[in-house]
Amino acid sequence: MTIEKCINEYDVADVIFEEGSTGRELYVVLDGKIDIVKDNGGTRTTIVTLGKGEFFGEMAVIDGSARSATAVAAAPNTKVMRINHARFVYLVSQQPAFALMIMDALSKRLRASNAAQFRTASQ
């Protein structure tokens, strides 16, 4: 598969994937912005906004579980590259720096989540 076939372009408010859906792809933001949002009874709360060079969808590509949030384009002409499970496994096995980058980002996200939960519990 050529790299061009793995790149998609989205406009503002286009949904890349929905919370609860299945998928085995990781996405890398090439240009634009992506909002990662949680739906709560019709109300959308933005968890984080990601920009160029950042990735999302990693949990589903790693463990095959349902998407834990919805990904929505937040800027016009947002471009993302899809990395399917097979390509992800190849990159992790052949490029240790890629694996370390993923682990570093996951660790930072987990720390931020833990801090947010602690702040909420302390109130």
PDB file of N, CA and C in Angstrom:
ATOM      1  N   MET A   1       0.849  -1.183   0.000  1.00  0.00           N
ATOM      2  CA  MET A   1       0.000   0.000   0.000  1.00  0.00           C
ATOM      3  C   MET A   1       0.892   1.243   0.000  1.00  0.00           C
ATOM      4  N   THR A   2       0.612   2.165  -0.899  1.00  0.00           N
ATOM      5  CA  THR A   2       1.405   3.389  -0.955  1.00  0.00           C
ATOM      6  C   THR A   2       1.017   4.314   0.182  1.00  0.00           C
ATOM      7  N   ILE A   3       1.949   5.183   0.528  1.00  0.00           N
ATOM      8  CA  ILE A   3       1.726   6.099   1.641  1.00  0.00           C
ATOM      9  C   ILE A   3       0.557   7.042   1.365  1.00  0.00           C
ATOM     10  N   GLU A   4       0.346   7.412   0.103  1.00  0.00           N
ATOM     11  CA  GLU A   4      -0.746   8.316  -0.241  1.00  0.00           C
ATOM     12  C   GLU A   4      -2.105   7.726   0.112  1.00  0.00           C
ATOM     13  N   LYS A   5      -2.236   6.401   0.008  1.00  0.00           N
ATOM     14  CA  LYS A   5      -3.504   5.751   0.331  1.00  0.00           C
ATOM     15  C   LYS A   5      -3.775   5.736   1.828  1.00  0.00           C
ATOM     16  N   CYS A   6      -2.762   6.030   2.609  1.00  0.00           N
ATOM     17  CA  CYS A   6      -2.906   6.035   4.066  1.00  0.00           C
ATOM     18  C   CYS A   6      -3.176   7.433   4.618  1.00  0.00           C
ATOM     19  N   ILE A   7      -3.246   8.421   3.750  1.00  0.00           N
ATOM     20  CA  ILE A   7      -3.457   9.804   4.187  1.00  0.00           C
ATOM     21  C   ILE A   7      -4.883  10.234   3.846  1.00  0.00           C
ATOM     22  N   ASN A   8      -5.564  10.769   4.853  1.00  0.00           N
ATOM     23  CA  ASN A   8      -6.919  11.276   4.667  1.00  0.00           C
ATOM     24  C   ASN A   8      -6.961  12.734   5.085  1.00  0.00           C
ATOM     25  N   GLU A   9      -7.838  13.496   4.430  1.00  0.00           N
ATOM     26  CA  GLU A   9      -8.019  14.902   4.758  1.00  0.00           C
ATOM     27  C   GLU A   9      -9.436  15.109   5.280  1.00  0.00           C
ATOM     28  N   TYR A  10      -9.556  15.922   6.320  1.00  0.00           N
ATOM     29  CA  TYR A  10     -10.843  16.177   6.959  1.00  0.00           C
ATOM     30  C   TYR A  10     -11.062  17.668   7.108  1.00  0.00           C
ATOM     31  N   ASP A  11     -12.338  18.060   7.148  1.00  0.00           N
ATOM     32  CA  ASP A  11     -12.706  19.445   7.391  1.00  0.00           C
ATOM     33  C   ASP A  11     -13.176  19.578   8.842  1.00  0.00           C
ATOM     34  N   VAL A  12     -13.369  20.786   9.293  1.00  0.00           N
ATOM     35  CA  VAL A  12     -13.794  21.041  10.673  1.00  0.00           C
ATOM     36  C   VAL A  12     -15.070  20.256  10.973  1.00  0.00           C
ATOM     37  N   ALA A  13     -15.094  19.596  12.105  1.00  0.00           N
ATOM     38  CA  ALA A  13     -16.225  18.824  12.632  1.00  0.00           C
ATOM     39  C   ALA A  13     -16.388  17.453  11.973  1.00  0.00           C
ATOM     40  N   ASP A  14     -15.536  17.084  11.017  1.00  0.00           N
ATOM     41  CA  ASP A  14     -15.584  15.723  10.462  1.00  0.00           C
ATOM     42  C   ASP A  14     -15.107  14.741  11.526  1.00  0.00           C
ATOM     43  N   VAL A  15     -15.834  13.651  11.666  1.00  0.00           N
ATOM     44  CA  VAL A  15     -15.496  12.626  12.652  1.00  0.00           C
ATOM     45  C   VAL A  15     -14.575  11.588  12.019  1.00  0.00           C
ATOM     46  N   ILE A  16     -13.444  11.334  12.653  1.00  0.00           N
ATOM     47  CA  ILE A  16     -12.503  10.321  12.178  1.00  0.00           C
ATOM     48  C   ILE A  16     -12.942   8.953  12.686  1.00  0.00           C
ATOM     49  N   PHE A  17     -13.276   8.880  13.968  1.00  0.00           N
ATOM     50  CA  PHE A  17     -13.898   7.677  14.526  1.00  0.00           C
ATOM     51  C   PHE A  17     -14.715   8.060  15.749  1.00  0.00           C
ATOM     52  N   GLU A  18     -15.698   7.194  16.055  1.00  0.00           N
ATOM     53  CA  GLU A  18     -16.618   7.422  17.176  1.00  0.00           C
ATOM     54  C   GLU A  18     -16.242   6.583  18.387  1.00  0.00           C
ATOM     55  N   GLU A  19     -16.488   7.143  19.551  1.00  0.00           N
ATOM     56  CA  GLU A  19     -16.331   6.397  20.793  1.00  0.00           C
ATOM     57  C   GLU A  19     -17.167   5.124  20.716  1.00  0.00           C
ATOM     58  N   GLY A  20     -16.588   3.998  21.119  1.00  0.00           N
ATOM     59  CA  GLY A  20     -17.292   2.717  21.119  1.00  0.00           C
ATOM     60  C   GLY A  20     -17.135   1.926  19.836  1.00  0.00           C
ATOM     61  N   SER A  21     -16.656   2.572  18.773  1.00  0.00           N
ATOM     62  CA  SER A  21     -16.468   1.855  17.510  1.00  0.00           C
ATOM     63  C   SER A  21     -15.212   0.985  17.570  1.00  0.00           C
ATOM     64  N   THR A  22     -15.151   0.031  16.660  1.00  0.00           N
ATOM     65  CA  THR A  22     -13.956  -0.802  16.591  1.00  0.00           C
ATOM     66  C   THR A  22     -13.024  -0.258  15.528  1.00  0.00           C
ATOM     67  N   GLY A  23     -11.777  -0.544  15.678  1.00  0.00           N
ATOM     68  CA  GLY A  23     -10.793  -0.093  14.710  1.00  0.00           C
ATOM     69  C   GLY A  23      -9.425  -0.578  15.111  1.00  0.00           C
ATOM     70  N   ARG A  24      -8.592  -0.810  14.132  1.00  0.00           N
ATOM     71  CA  ARG A  24      -7.239  -1.294  14.412  1.00  0.00           C
ATOM     72  C   ARG A  24      -6.212  -0.376  13.757  1.00  0.00           C
ATOM     73  N   GLU A  25      -6.495   0.929  13.781  1.00  0.00           N
ATOM     74  CA  GLU A  25      -5.565   1.894  13.219  1.00  0.00           C
ATOM     75  C   GLU A  25      -5.161   2.938  14.258  1.00  0.00           C
ATOM     76  N   LEU A  26      -3.949   3.371  14.111  1.00  0.00           N
ATOM     77  CA  LEU A  26      -3.389   4.508  14.833  1.00  0.00           C
ATOM     78  C   LEU A  26      -3.332   5.644  13.816  1.00  0.00           C
ATOM     79  N   TYR A  27      -3.513   6.872  14.250  1.00  0.00           N
ATOM     80  CA  TYR A  27      -3.496   8.015  13.349  1.00  0.00           C
ATOM     81  C   TYR A  27      -2.413   9.004  13.796  1.00  0.00           C
ATOM     82  N   VAL A  28      -1.735   9.585  12.827  1.00  0.00           N
ATOM     83  CA  VAL A  28      -0.734  10.617  13.084  1.00  0.00           C
ATOM     84  C   VAL A  28      -1.208  11.893  12.406  1.00  0.00           C
ATOM     85  N   VAL A  29      -1.208  12.998  13.145  1.00  0.00           N
ATOM     86  CA  VAL A  29      -1.630  14.283  12.589  1.00  0.00           C
ATOM     87  C   VAL A  29      -0.481  14.834  11.737  1.00  0.00           C
ATOM     88  N   LEU A  30      -0.737  14.996  10.450  1.00  0.00           N
ATOM     89  CA  LEU A  30       0.258  15.564   9.539  1.00  0.00           C
ATOM     90  C   LEU A  30       0.108  17.070   9.423  1.00  0.00           C
ATOM     91  N   ASP A  31      -1.129  17.546   9.521  1.00  0.00           N
ATOM     92  CA  ASP A  31      -1.410  18.972   9.427  1.00  0.00           C
ATOM     93  C   ASP A  31      -2.788  19.218  10.030  1.00  0.00           C
ATOM     94  N   GLY A  32      -2.961  20.359  10.685  1.00  0.00           N
ATOM     95  CA  GLY A  32      -4.251  20.688  11.279  1.00  0.00           C
ATOM     96  C   GLY A  32      -4.325  20.297  12.746  1.00  0.00           C
ATOM     97  N   LYS A  33      -5.563  20.088  13.204  1.00  0.00           N
ATOM     98  CA  LYS A  33      -5.796  19.765  14.619  1.00  0.00           C
ATOM     99  C   LYS A  33      -6.906  18.739  14.741  1.00  0.00           C
ATOM    100  N   ILE A  34      -6.805  17.940  15.779  1.00  0.00           N
ATOM    101  CA  ILE A  34      -7.807  16.924  16.105  1.00  0.00           C
ATOM    102  C   ILE A  34      -8.237  17.113  17.555  1.00  0.00           C
ATOM    103  N   ASP A  35      -9.551  17.164  17.777  1.00  0.00           N
ATOM    104  CA  ASP A  35     -10.087  17.153  19.138  1.00  0.00           C
ATOM    105  C   ASP A  35     -10.434  15.721  19.510  1.00  0.00           C
ATOM    106  N   ILE A  36      -9.982  15.292  20.666  1.00  0.00           N
ATOM    107  CA  ILE A  36     -10.392  14.011  21.234  1.00  0.00           C
ATOM    108  C   ILE A  36     -11.463  14.347  22.258  1.00  0.00           C
ATOM    109  N   VAL A  37     -12.675  13.839  22.032  1.00  0.00           N
ATOM    110  CA  VAL A  37     -13.823  14.244  22.842  1.00  0.00           C
ATOM    111  C   VAL A  37     -14.537  13.037  23.441  1.00  0.00           C
ATOM    112  N   LYS A  38     -15.190  13.281  24.568  1.00  0.00           N
ATOM    113  CA  LYS A  38     -16.055  12.292  25.212  1.00  0.00           C
ATOM    114  C   LYS A  38     -17.480  12.819  25.135  1.00  0.00           C
ATOM    115  N   ASP A  39     -18.403  11.914  24.800  1.00  0.00           N
ATOM    116  CA  ASP A  39     -19.816  12.267  24.760  1.00  0.00           C
ATOM    117  C   ASP A  39     -20.456  11.878  26.082  1.00  0.00           C
ATOM    118  N   ASN A  40     -21.276  12.801  26.624  1.00  0.00           N
ATOM    119  CA  ASN A  40     -21.964  12.538  27.882  1.00  0.00           C
ATOM    120  C   ASN A  40     -23.393  13.045  27.751  1.00  0.00           C
ATOM    121  N   GLY A  41     -24.260  12.169  27.280  1.00  0.00           N
ATOM    122  CA  GLY A  41     -25.661  12.540  27.159  1.00  0.00           C
ATOM    123  C   GLY A  41     -25.908  13.711  26.224  1.00  0.00           C
ATOM    124  N   GLY A  42     -25.233  13.722  25.086  1.00  0.00           N
ATOM    125  CA  GLY A  42     -25.427  14.790  24.117  1.00  0.00           C
ATOM    126  C   GLY A  42     -24.477  15.955  24.281  1.00  0.00           C
ATOM    127  N   THR A  43     -23.729  15.980  25.357  1.00  0.00           N
ATOM    128  CA  THR A  43     -22.750  17.033  25.578  1.00  0.00           C
ATOM    129  C   THR A  43     -21.362  16.492  25.268  1.00  0.00           C
ATOM    130  N   ARG A  44     -20.635  17.217  24.426  1.00  0.00           N
ATOM    131  CA  ARG A  44     -19.270  16.806  24.082  1.00  0.00           C
ATOM    132  C   ARG A  44     -18.272  17.606  24.892  1.00  0.00           C
ATOM    133  N   THR A  45     -17.349  16.877  25.530  1.00  0.00           N
ATOM    134  CA  THR A  45     -16.288  17.513  26.289  1.00  0.00           C
ATOM    135  C   THR A  45     -14.966  17.182  25.619  1.00  0.00           C
ATOM    136  N   THR A  46     -14.198  18.207  25.283  1.00  0.00           N
ATOM    137  CA  THR A  46     -12.893  17.991  24.669  1.00  0.00           C
ATOM    138  C   THR A  46     -11.897  17.602  25.742  1.00  0.00           C
ATOM    139  N   ILE A  47     -11.283  16.439  25.555  1.00  0.00           N
ATOM    140  CA  ILE A  47     -10.262  15.954  26.490  1.00  0.00           C
ATOM    141  C   ILE A  47      -8.928  16.611  26.164  1.00  0.00           C
ATOM    142  N   VAL A  48      -8.592  16.620  24.869  1.00  0.00           N
ATOM    143  CA  VAL A  48      -7.315  17.181  24.431  1.00  0.00           C
ATOM    144  C   VAL A  48      -7.423  17.552  22.957  1.00  0.00           C
ATOM    145  N   THR A  49      -6.670  18.552  22.563  1.00  0.00           N
ATOM    146  CA  THR A  49      -6.538  18.912  21.156  1.00  0.00           C
ATOM    147  C   THR A  49      -5.124  18.576  20.726  1.00  0.00           C
ATOM    148  N   LEU A  50      -5.013  17.805  19.652  1.00  0.00           N
ATOM    149  CA  LEU A  50      -3.720  17.343  19.160  1.00  0.00           C
ATOM    150  C   LEU A  50      -3.353  18.072  17.881  1.00  0.00           C
ATOM    151  N   GLY A  51      -2.067  18.305  17.689  1.00  0.00           N
ATOM    152  CA  GLY A  51      -1.589  18.992  16.500  1.00  0.00           C
ATOM    153  C   GLY A  51      -0.566  18.181  15.735  1.00  0.00           C
ATOM    154  N   LYS A  52       0.075  18.829  14.803  1.00  0.00           N
ATOM    155  CA  LYS A  52       1.027  18.200  13.898  1.00  0.00           C
ATOM    156  C   LYS A  52       2.064  17.371  14.661  1.00  0.00           C
ATOM    157  N   GLY A  53       2.239  16.127  14.206  1.00  0.00           N
ATOM    158  CA  GLY A  53       3.225  15.230  14.799  1.00  0.00           C
ATOM    159  C   GLY A  53       2.697  14.380  15.943  1.00  0.00           C
ATOM    160  N   GLU A  54       1.510  14.710  16.452  1.00  0.00           N
ATOM    161  CA  GLU A  54       0.948  13.921  17.546  1.00  0.00           C
ATOM    162  C   GLU A  54       0.100  12.789  16.975  1.00  0.00           C
ATOM    163  N   PHE A  55      -0.178  11.791  17.798  1.00  0.00           N
ATOM    164  CA  PHE A  55      -0.920  10.625  17.338  1.00  0.00           C
ATOM    165  C   PHE A  55      -2.086  10.328  18.257  1.00  0.00           C
ATOM    166  N   PHE A  56      -3.038   9.546  17.735  1.00  0.00           N
ATOM    167  CA  PHE A  56      -4.204   9.140  18.512  1.00  0.00           C
ATOM    168  C   PHE A  56      -4.709   7.806  17.961  1.00  0.00           C
ATOM    169  N   GLY A  57      -5.520   7.121  18.758  1.00  0.00           N
ATOM    170  CA  GLY A  57      -6.043   5.816  18.355  1.00  0.00           C
ATOM    171  C   GLY A  57      -5.124   4.674  18.728  1.00  0.00           C
ATOM    172  N   GLU A  58      -4.123   4.972  19.531  1.00  0.00           N
ATOM    173  CA  GLU A  58      -3.112   3.956  19.856  1.00  0.00           C
ATOM    174  C   GLU A  58      -3.642   2.812  20.702  1.00  0.00           C
ATOM    175  N   MET A  59      -4.626   3.064  21.549  1.00  0.00           N
ATOM    176  CA  MET A  59      -5.115   1.983  22.413  1.00  0.00           C
ATOM    177  C   MET A  59      -5.758   0.880  21.581  1.00  0.00           C
ATOM    178  N   ALA A  60      -6.547   1.256  20.587  1.00  0.00           N
ATOM    179  CA  ALA A  60      -7.210   0.254  19.742  1.00  0.00           C
ATOM    180  C   ALA A  60      -6.210  -0.523  18.898  1.00  0.00           C
ATOM    181  N   VAL A  61      -5.172   0.142  18.406  1.00  0.00           N
ATOM    182  CA  VAL A  61      -4.192  -0.569  17.589  1.00  0.00           C
ATOM    183  C   VAL A  61      -3.363  -1.529  18.445  1.00  0.00           C
ATOM    184  N   ILE A  62      -3.194  -1.207  19.721  1.00  0.00           N
ATOM    185  CA  ILE A  62      -2.401  -2.064  20.607  1.00  0.00           C
ATOM    186  C   ILE A  62      -3.220  -3.242  21.120  1.00  0.00           C
ATOM    187  N   ASP A  63      -4.433  -2.979  21.631  1.00  0.00           N
ATOM    188  CA  ASP A  63      -5.169  -4.068  22.280  1.00  0.00           C
ATOM    189  C   ASP A  63      -6.459  -4.484  21.578  1.00  0.00           C
ATOM    190  N   GLY A  64      -6.834  -3.815  20.506  1.00  0.00           N
ATOM    191  CA  GLY A  64      -8.017  -4.208  19.749  1.00  0.00           C
ATOM    192  C   GLY A  64      -9.338  -3.877  20.407  1.00  0.00           C
ATOM    193  N   SER A  65      -9.310  -3.110  21.492  1.00  0.00           N
ATOM    194  CA  SER A  65     -10.551  -2.761  22.187  1.00  0.00           C
ATOM    195  C   SER A  65     -11.290  -1.649  21.453  1.00  0.00           C
ATOM    196  N   ALA A  66     -12.512  -1.403  21.891  1.00  0.00           N
ATOM    197  CA  ALA A  66     -13.328  -0.334  21.298  1.00  0.00           C
ATOM    198  C   ALA A  66     -12.688   1.022  21.569  1.00  0.00           C
ATOM    199  N   ARG A  67     -12.965   1.968  20.707  1.00  0.00           N
ATOM    200  CA  ARG A  67     -12.446   3.330  20.867  1.00  0.00           C
ATOM    201  C   ARG A  67     -12.984   3.928  22.163  1.00  0.00           C
ATOM    202  N   SER A  68     -12.105   4.572  22.926  1.00  0.00           N
ATOM    203  CA  SER A  68     -12.498   5.120  24.225  1.00  0.00           C
ATOM    204  C   SER A  68     -12.996   6.555  24.137  1.00  0.00           C
ATOM    205  N   ALA A  69     -12.866   7.175  22.963  1.00  0.00           N
ATOM    206  CA  ALA A  69     -13.308   8.551  22.770  1.00  0.00           C
ATOM    207  C   ALA A  69     -13.569   8.755  21.277  1.00  0.00           C
ATOM    208  N   THR A  70     -14.108   9.911  20.944  1.00  0.00           N
ATOM    209  CA  THR A  70     -14.373  10.278  19.551  1.00  0.00           C
ATOM    210  C   THR A  70     -13.274  11.231  19.091  1.00  0.00           C
ATOM    211  N   ALA A  71     -12.829  11.054  17.853  1.00  0.00           N
ATOM    212  CA  ALA A  71     -11.817  11.942  17.268  1.00  0.00           C
ATOM    213  C   ALA A  71     -12.476  12.787  16.191  1.00  0.00           C
ATOM    214  N   VAL A  72     -12.339  14.111  16.313  1.00  0.00           N
ATOM    215  CA  VAL A  72     -13.007  15.053  15.417  1.00  0.00           C
ATOM    216  C   VAL A  72     -11.989  16.069  14.900  1.00  0.00           C
ATOM    217  N   ALA A  73     -12.022  16.327  13.593  1.00  0.00           N
ATOM    218  CA  ALA A  73     -11.151  17.360  13.024  1.00  0.00           C
ATOM    219  C   ALA A  73     -11.542  18.714  13.599  1.00  0.00           C
ATOM    220  N   ALA A  74     -10.536  19.490  14.005  1.00  0.00           N
ATOM    221  CA  ALA A  74     -10.794  20.784  14.643  1.00  0.00           C
ATOM    222  C   ALA A  74     -10.258  21.954  13.838  1.00  0.00           C
ATOM    223  N   ALA A  75      -9.745  21.679  12.641  1.00  0.00           N
ATOM    224  CA  ALA A  75      -9.225  22.733  11.771  1.00  0.00           C
ATOM    225  C   ALA A  75      -9.502  22.337  10.328  1.00  0.00           C
ATOM    226  N   PRO A  76      -9.642  23.324   9.445  1.00  0.00           N
ATOM    227  CA  PRO A  76      -9.853  22.982   8.039  1.00  0.00           C
ATOM    228  C   PRO A  76      -8.619  22.297   7.454  1.00  0.00           C
ATOM    229  N   ASN A  77      -8.859  21.431   6.476  1.00  0.00           N
ATOM    230  CA  ASN A  77      -7.784  20.736   5.772  1.00  0.00           C
ATOM    231  C   ASN A  77      -6.859  19.953   6.703  1.00  0.00           C
ATOM    232  N   THR A  78      -7.442  19.334   7.713  1.00  0.00           N
ATOM    233  CA  THR A  78      -6.661  18.512   8.630  1.00  0.00           C
ATOM    234  C   THR A  78      -6.293  17.210   7.934  1.00  0.00           C
ATOM    235  N   LYS A  79      -5.012  16.888   7.933  1.00  0.00           N
ATOM    236  CA  LYS A  79      -4.531  15.667   7.291  1.00  0.00           C
ATOM    237  C   LYS A  79      -3.987  14.720   8.339  1.00  0.00           C
ATOM    238  N   VAL A  80      -4.406  13.460   8.236  1.00  0.00           N
ATOM    239  CA  VAL A  80      -3.905  12.427   9.141  1.00  0.00           C
ATOM    240  C   VAL A  80      -3.452  11.220   8.330  1.00  0.00           C
ATOM    241  N   MET A  81      -2.461  10.522   8.870  1.00  0.00           N
ATOM    242  CA  MET A  81      -1.989   9.290   8.256  1.00  0.00           C
ATOM    243  C   MET A  81      -2.448   8.121   9.117  1.00  0.00           C
ATOM    244  N   ARG A  82      -3.071   7.129   8.477  1.00  0.00           N
ATOM    245  CA  ARG A  82      -3.513   5.918   9.158  1.00  0.00           C
ATOM    246  C   ARG A  82      -2.385   4.890   9.161  1.00  0.00           C
ATOM    247  N   ILE A  83      -2.159   4.295  10.313  1.00  0.00           N
ATOM    248  CA  ILE A  83      -1.191   3.200  10.430  1.00  0.00           C
ATOM    249  C   ILE A  83      -1.962   1.997  10.948  1.00  0.00           C
ATOM    250  N   ASN A  84      -2.117   0.982  10.091  1.00  0.00           N
ATOM    251  CA  ASN A  84      -2.894  -0.193  10.505  1.00  0.00           C
ATOM    252  C   ASN A  84      -2.088  -1.064  11.469  1.00  0.00           C
ATOM    253  N   HIS A  85      -2.741  -2.061  12.020  1.00  0.00           N
ATOM    254  CA  HIS A  85      -2.123  -2.903  13.040  1.00  0.00           C
ATOM    255  C   HIS A  85      -0.856  -3.581  12.526  1.00  0.00           C
ATOM    256  N   ALA A  86      -0.902  -4.141  11.328  1.00  0.00           N
ATOM    257  CA  ALA A  86       0.266  -4.837  10.779  1.00  0.00           C
ATOM    258  C   ALA A  86       1.453  -3.891  10.624  1.00  0.00           C
ATOM    259  N   ARG A  87       1.209  -2.691  10.118  1.00  0.00           N
ATOM    260  CA  ARG A  87       2.290  -1.721   9.950  1.00  0.00           C
ATOM    261  C   ARG A  87       2.798  -1.248  11.312  1.00  0.00           C
ATOM    262  N   PHE A  88       1.885  -1.086  12.276  1.00  0.00           N
ATOM    263  CA  PHE A  88       2.282  -0.686  13.632  1.00  0.00           C
ATOM    264  C   PHE A  88       3.211  -1.734  14.240  1.00  0.00           C
ATOM    265  N   VAL A  89       2.832  -3.002  14.143  1.00  0.00           N
ATOM    266  CA  VAL A  89       3.662  -4.086  14.695  1.00  0.00           C
ATOM    267  C   VAL A  89       5.029  -4.097  14.017  1.00  0.00           C
ATOM    268  N   TYR A  90       5.034  -3.909  12.706  1.00  0.00           N
ATOM    269  CA  TYR A  90       6.302  -3.862  11.971  1.00  0.00           C
ATOM    270  C   TYR A  90       7.178  -2.712  12.481  1.00  0.00           C
ATOM    271  N   LEU A  91       6.598  -1.518  12.596  1.00  0.00           N
ATOM    272  CA  LEU A  91       7.370  -0.361  13.059  1.00  0.00           C
ATOM    273  C   LEU A  91       7.924  -0.570  14.466  1.00  0.00           C
ATOM    274  N   VAL A  92       7.100  -1.108  15.353  1.00  0.00           N
ATOM    275  CA  VAL A  92       7.547  -1.348  16.723  1.00  0.00           C
ATOM    276  C   VAL A  92       8.685  -2.366  16.754  1.00  0.00           C
ATOM    277  N   SER A  93       8.569  -3.404  15.932  1.00  0.00           N
ATOM    278  CA  SER A  93       9.600  -4.453  15.946  1.00  0.00           C
ATOM    279  C   SER A  93      10.883  -4.037  15.231  1.00  0.00           C
ATOM    280  N   GLN A  94      10.785  -3.171  14.241  1.00  0.00           N
ATOM    281  CA  GLN A  94      11.953  -2.805  13.446  1.00  0.00           C
ATOM    282  C   GLN A  94      12.573  -1.452  13.816  1.00  0.00           C
ATOM    283  N   GLN A  95      11.819  -0.629  14.501  1.00  0.00           N
ATOM    284  CA  GLN A  95      12.284   0.718  14.837  1.00  0.00           C
ATOM    285  C   GLN A  95      12.131   0.968  16.341  1.00  0.00           C
ATOM    286  N   PRO A  96      13.146   0.620  17.121  1.00  0.00           N
ATOM    287  CA  PRO A  96      13.041   0.834  18.571  1.00  0.00           C
ATOM    288  C   PRO A  96      12.717   2.276  18.954  1.00  0.00           C
ATOM    289  N   ALA A  97      13.190   3.236  18.189  1.00  0.00           N
ATOM    290  CA  ALA A  97      12.892   4.644  18.504  1.00  0.00           C
ATOM    291  C   ALA A  97      11.401   4.925  18.389  1.00  0.00           C
ATOM    292  N   PHE A  98      10.728   4.291  17.423  1.00  0.00           N
ATOM    293  CA  PHE A  98       9.280   4.444  17.278  1.00  0.00           C
ATOM    294  C   PHE A  98       8.576   3.876  18.511  1.00  0.00           C
ATOM    295  N   ALA A  99       8.987   2.687  18.935  1.00  0.00           N
ATOM    296  CA  ALA A  99       8.380   2.062  20.117  1.00  0.00           C
ATOM    297  C   ALA A  99       8.587   2.936  21.354  1.00  0.00           C
ATOM    298  N   LEU A 100       9.784   3.481  21.516  1.00  0.00           N
ATOM    299  CA  LEU A 100      10.056   4.350  22.666  1.00  0.00           C
ATOM    300  C   LEU A 100       9.230   5.632  22.619  1.00  0.00           C
ATOM    301  N   MET A 101       9.027   6.175  21.421  1.00  0.00           N
ATOM    302  CA  MET A 101       8.214   7.383  21.268  1.00  0.00           C
ATOM    303  C   MET A 101       6.773   7.105  21.707  1.00  0.00           C
ATOM    304  N   ILE A 102       6.234   5.968  21.292  1.00  0.00           N
ATOM    305  CA  ILE A 102       4.872   5.592  21.673  1.00  0.00           C
ATOM    306  C   ILE A 102       4.783   5.412  23.187  1.00  0.00           C
ATOM    307  N   MET A 103       5.747   4.687  23.768  1.00  0.00           N
ATOM    308  CA  MET A 103       5.733   4.461  25.220  1.00  0.00           C
ATOM    309  C   MET A 103       5.865   5.768  25.993  1.00  0.00           C
ATOM    310  N   ASP A 104       6.716   6.676  25.523  1.00  0.00           N
ATOM    311  CA  ASP A 104       6.892   7.970  26.181  1.00  0.00           C
ATOM    312  C   ASP A 104       5.570   8.751  26.178  1.00  0.00           C
ATOM    313  N   ALA A 105       4.914   8.792  25.027  1.00  0.00           N
ATOM    314  CA  ALA A 105       3.643   9.522  24.932  1.00  0.00           C
ATOM    315  C   ALA A 105       2.573   8.876  25.813  1.00  0.00           C
ATOM    316  N   LEU A 106       2.502   7.555  25.819  1.00  0.00           N
ATOM    317  CA  LEU A 106       1.517   6.868  26.657  1.00  0.00           C
ATOM    318  C   LEU A 106       1.773   7.139  28.130  1.00  0.00           C
ATOM    319  N   SER A 107       3.036   7.136  28.533  1.00  0.00           N
ATOM    320  CA  SER A 107       3.386   7.423  29.921  1.00  0.00           C
ATOM    321  C   SER A 107       2.957   8.832  30.313  1.00  0.00           C
ATOM    322  N   LYS A 108       3.213   9.808  29.440  1.00  0.00           N
ATOM    323  CA  LYS A 108       2.816  11.188  29.731  1.00  0.00           C
ATOM    324  C   LYS A 108       1.302  11.322  29.823  1.00  0.00           C
ATOM    325  N   ARG A 109       0.594  10.631  28.929  1.00  0.00           N
ATOM    326  CA  ARG A 109      -0.873  10.686  28.966  1.00  0.00           C
ATOM    327  C   ARG A 109      -1.422  10.049  30.234  1.00  0.00           C
ATOM    328  N   LEU A 110      -0.824   8.946  30.663  1.00  0.00           N
ATOM    329  CA  LEU A 110      -1.261   8.279  31.887  1.00  0.00           C
ATOM    330  C   LEU A 110      -0.994   9.167  33.101  1.00  0.00           C
ATOM    331  N   ARG A 111       0.159   9.801  33.138  1.00  0.00           N
ATOM    332  CA  ARG A 111       0.469  10.711  34.249  1.00  0.00           C
ATOM    333  C   ARG A 111      -0.527  11.877  34.300  1.00  0.00           C
ATOM    334  N   ALA A 112      -0.845  12.439  33.140  1.00  0.00           N
ATOM    335  CA  ALA A 112      -1.803  13.553  33.093  1.00  0.00           C
ATOM    336  C   ALA A 112      -3.184  13.094  33.554  1.00  0.00           C
ATOM    337  N   SER A 113      -3.584  11.900  33.138  1.00  0.00           N
ATOM    338  CA  SER A 113      -4.879  11.353  33.547  1.00  0.00           C
ATOM    339  C   SER A 113      -4.907  11.114  35.057  1.00  0.00           C
ATOM    340  N   ASN A 114      -3.838  10.557  35.589  1.00  0.00           N
ATOM    341  CA  ASN A 114      -3.758  10.319  37.036  1.00  0.00           C
ATOM    342  C   ASN A 114      -3.835  11.631  37.806  1.00  0.00           C
ATOM    343  N   ALA A 115      -3.140  12.647  37.335  1.00  0.00           N
ATOM    344  CA  ALA A 115      -3.162  13.956  38.009  1.00  0.00           C
ATOM    345  C   ALA A 115      -4.557  14.562  37.975  1.00  0.00           C
ATOM    346  N   ALA A 116      -5.236  14.439  36.837  1.00  0.00           N
ATOM    347  CA  ALA A 116      -6.609  14.980  36.715  1.00  0.00           C
ATOM    348  C   ALA A 116      -7.552  14.236  37.655  1.00  0.00           C
ATOM    349  N   GLN A 117      -7.433  12.919  37.733  1.00  0.00           N
ATOM    350  CA  GLN A 117      -8.293  12.154  38.644  1.00  0.00           C
ATOM    351  C   GLN A 117      -8.010  12.505  40.082  1.00  0.00           C
ATOM    352  N   PHE A 118      -6.743  12.724  40.425  1.00  0.00           N
ATOM    353  CA  PHE A 118      -6.399  13.099  41.784  1.00  0.00           C
ATOM    354  C   PHE A 118      -6.985  14.464  42.142  1.00  0.00           C
ATOM    355  N   ARG A 119      -6.888  15.430  41.203  1.00  0.00           N
ATOM    356  CA  ARG A 119      -7.471  16.752  41.451  1.00  0.00           C
ATOM    357  C   ARG A 119      -8.972  16.653  41.669  1.00  0.00           C
ATOM    358  N   THR A 120      -9.651  15.837  40.847  1.00  0.00           N
ATOM    359  CA  THR A 120     -11.092  15.674  40.981  1.00  0.00           C
ATOM    360  C   THR A 120     -11.453  15.029  42.311  1.00  0.00           C
ATOM    361  N   ALA A 121     -10.703  14.015  42.715  1.00  0.00           N
ATOM    362  CA  ALA A 121     -10.970  13.309  43.972  1.00  0.00           C
ATOM    363  C   ALA A 121     -10.693  14.199  45.188  1.00  0.00           C
ATOM    364  N   SER A 122      -9.785  15.144  45.065  1.00  0.00           N
ATOM    365  CA  SER A 122      -9.405  16.007  46.186  1.00  0.00           C
ATOM    366  C   SER A 122     -10.385  17.139  46.413  1.00  0.00           C
ATOM    367  N   GLN A 123     -11.276  17.372  45.463  1.00  0.00           N
ATOM    368  CA  GLN A 123     -12.200  18.510  45.594  1.00  0.00           C
ATOM    369  C   GLN A 123     -13.386  18.184  46.437  1.00  0.00           C
TER     370      GLN A 123
END
